[in-house]
C-alpha atoms as a PDB file:
ATOM      1  CA  MET A   1       0.009  -0.011  -0.033  1.00  0.00           C
ATOM      2  CA  PHE A   2       2.624   2.517   1.076  1.00  0.00           C
ATOM      3  CA  GLY A   3       5.051   1.341  -1.709  1.00  0.00           C
ATOM      4  CA  LYS A   4       2.910   2.435  -4.422  1.00  0.00           C
ATOM      5  CA  THR A   5       2.208   5.842  -2.728  1.00  0.00           C
ATOM      6  CA  LYS A   6       5.935   6.289  -2.333  1.00  0.00           C
ATOM      7  CA  GLN A   7       6.635   5.585  -5.882  1.00  0.00           C
ATOM      8  CA  VAL A   8       3.976   7.988  -7.096  1.00  0.00           C
ATOM      9  CA  LEU A   9       5.229  10.809  -4.686  1.00  0.00           C
ATOM     10  CA  THR A  10       8.862  10.218  -5.901  1.00  0.00           C
ATOM     11  CA  ARG A  11       7.653  10.610  -9.486  1.00  0.00           C
ATOM     12  CA  ILE A  12       5.704  13.752  -8.660  1.00  0.00           C
ATOM     13  CA  GLY A  13       8.804  15.154  -6.752  1.00  0.00           C
ATOM     14  CA  ALA A  14      11.077  14.407  -9.614  1.00  0.00           C
ATOM     15  CA  PHE A  15       8.722  15.929 -12.336  1.00  0.00           C
ATOM     16  CA  THR A  16       8.324  19.049 -10.124  1.00  0.00           C
ATOM     17  CA  LEU A  17      12.157  19.367  -9.749  1.00  0.00           C
ATOM     18  CA  ALA A  18      12.623  18.809 -13.486  1.00  0.00           C
ATOM     19  CA  VAL A  19      10.022  21.593 -14.302  1.00  0.00           C
ATOM     20  CA  ALA A  20      11.013  24.109 -11.493  1.00  0.00           C
ATOM     21  CA  ALA A  21      14.956  23.969 -11.855  1.00  0.00           C
ATOM     22  CA  PRO A  22      15.276  25.331 -15.308  1.00  0.00           C
ATOM     23  CA  ALA A  23      12.807  28.094 -14.355  1.00  0.00           C
ATOM     24  CA  VAL A  24      15.088  29.182 -11.528  1.00  0.00           C
ATOM     25  CA  PHE A  25      18.202  29.444 -13.727  1.00  0.00           C
ATOM     26  CA  ALA A  26      16.312  31.124 -16.653  1.00  0.00           C
ATOM     27  CA  ALA A  27      15.446  34.168 -14.609  1.00  0.00           C
ATOM     28  CA  GLU A  28      15.824  37.692 -15.955  1.00  0.00           C
ATOM     29  CA  GLY A  29      19.134  39.408 -15.617  1.00  0.00           C
ATOM     30  CA  ASP A  30      17.619  42.364 -13.799  1.00  0.00           C
ATOM     31  CA  VAL A  31      16.778  40.209 -10.723  1.00  0.00           C
ATOM     32  CA  VAL A  32      20.395  40.804  -9.542  1.00  0.00           C
ATOM     33  CA  GLY A  33      20.623  44.273 -11.046  1.00  0.00           C
ATOM     34  CA  GLY A  34      21.609  43.250 -14.497  1.00  0.00           C
ATOM     35  CA  LYS A  35      25.302  43.168 -13.725  1.00  0.00           C
ATOM     36  CA  GLY A  36      25.724  39.979 -11.834  1.00  0.00           C
ATOM     37  CA  ILE A  37      27.516  39.319  -8.666  1.00  0.00           C
ATOM     38  CA  ASP A  38      30.869  41.131  -8.193  1.00  0.00           C
ATOM     39  CA  LEU A  39      33.410  38.683  -6.706  1.00  0.00           C
ATOM     40  CA  THR A  40      36.378  41.028  -7.180  1.00  0.00           C
ATOM     41  CA  PRO A  41      37.076  41.673  -3.512  1.00  0.00           C
ATOM     42  CA  LEU A  42      36.963  37.971  -2.819  1.00  0.00           C
ATOM     43  CA  THR A  43      39.264  36.882  -5.690  1.00  0.00           C
ATOM     44  CA  ASN A  44      41.740  39.805  -5.140  1.00  0.00           C
ATOM     45  CA  SER A  45      42.526  38.616  -1.552  1.00  0.00           C
ATOM     46  CA  VAL A  46      43.424  35.080  -2.690  1.00  0.00           C
ATOM     47  CA  ASN A  47      47.186  34.588  -3.271  1.00  0.00           C
ATOM     48  CA  PHE A  48      47.328  31.752  -5.821  1.00  0.00           C
ATOM     49  CA  GLY A  49      50.986  31.375  -5.460  1.00  0.00           C
ATOM     50  CA  SER A  50      50.720  30.156  -1.861  1.00  0.00           C
ATOM     51  CA  VAL A  51      47.827  27.809  -2.877  1.00  0.00           C
ATOM     52  CA  LEU A  52      49.913  26.260  -5.779  1.00  0.00           C
ATOM     53  CA  THR A  53      52.784  25.832  -3.258  1.00  0.00           C
ATOM     54  CA  GLY A  54      50.526  23.969  -0.785  1.00  0.00           C
ATOM     55  CA  ILE A  55      49.117  21.737  -3.444  1.00  0.00           C
ATOM     56  CA  MET A  56      52.588  20.822  -4.768  1.00  0.00           C
ATOM     57  CA  ALA A  57      53.776  20.198  -1.151  1.00  0.00           C
ATOM     58  CA  VAL A  58      50.817  17.711  -0.562  1.00  0.00           C
ATOM     59  CA  ALA A  59      51.487  16.048  -4.022  1.00  0.00           C
ATOM     60  CA  GLY A  60      55.189  15.705  -3.132  1.00  0.00           C
ATOM     61  CA  SER A  61      54.305  14.043   0.243  1.00  0.00           C
ATOM     62  CA  LEU A  62      51.975  11.575  -1.480  1.00  0.00           C
ATOM     63  CA  ILE A  63      54.608  10.659  -3.966  1.00  0.00           C
ATOM     64  CA  VAL A  64      57.171  10.101  -1.334  1.00  0.00           C
ATOM     65  CA  LEU A  65      54.753   7.991   0.692  1.00  0.00           C
ATOM     66  CA  TYR A  66      54.005   5.880  -2.417  1.00  0.00           C
ATOM     67  CA  ALA A  67      57.576   5.493  -3.328  1.00  0.00           C
ATOM     68  CA  GLY A  68      58.474   4.512   0.283  1.00  0.00           C
ATOM     69  CA  SER A  69      55.753   1.904   0.359  1.00  0.00           C
ATOM     70  CA  ALA A  70      56.732   0.517  -3.057  1.00  0.00           C
ATOM     71  CA  GLY A  71      60.314   0.290  -1.760  1.00  0.00           C
ATOM     72  CA  VAL A  72      59.257  -1.564   1.311  1.00  0.00           C
ATOM     73  CA  ARG A  73      57.174  -4.002  -0.781  1.00  0.00           C
ATOM     74  CA  TRP A  74      60.198  -4.592  -3.053  1.00  0.00           C
ATOM     75  CA  ILE A  75      62.591  -5.297  -0.187  1.00  0.00           C
ATOM     76  CA  LEU A  76      60.143  -7.610   1.498  1.00  0.00           C
ATOM     77  CA  ARG A  77      59.760  -9.614  -1.716  1.00  0.00           C
ATOM     78  CA  MET A  78      63.553  -9.813  -2.084  1.00  0.00           C
ATOM     79  CA  VAL A  79      63.966 -10.991   1.534  1.00  0.00           C
ATOM     80  CA  ARG A  80      61.126 -13.633   1.113  1.00  0.00           C
ATOM     81  CA  GLY A  81      62.566 -14.828  -2.116  1.00  0.00           C
ATOM     82  CA  ALA A  82      66.077 -15.411  -0.608  1.00  0.00           C
END
C-alpha cells in the first residue's frame, strides 16, 4: 500500500524538480541588478602562489609515501625470495 504511494510521490517530486529547476536558472538578468555578482574583492584577496605551493607540497608528500611503500614491498619480496 505505502510502496505504491511512495513511488507516485517520488515521480511527482522528480517531475516538479525537473520543471522548476530550469525556471530558476532562466530568470531575468535584472533580478540581480543586471550586472551579476561582483566577486572581485574575494578573488583579489586570494594569493594563488601560496595555494599552488601548498598543493605541490601535498602532492610531493603523497609521492614520497607511495615510493616508500613500494620500496618496502620490493625489499620484503627480495627477503622472502632469498
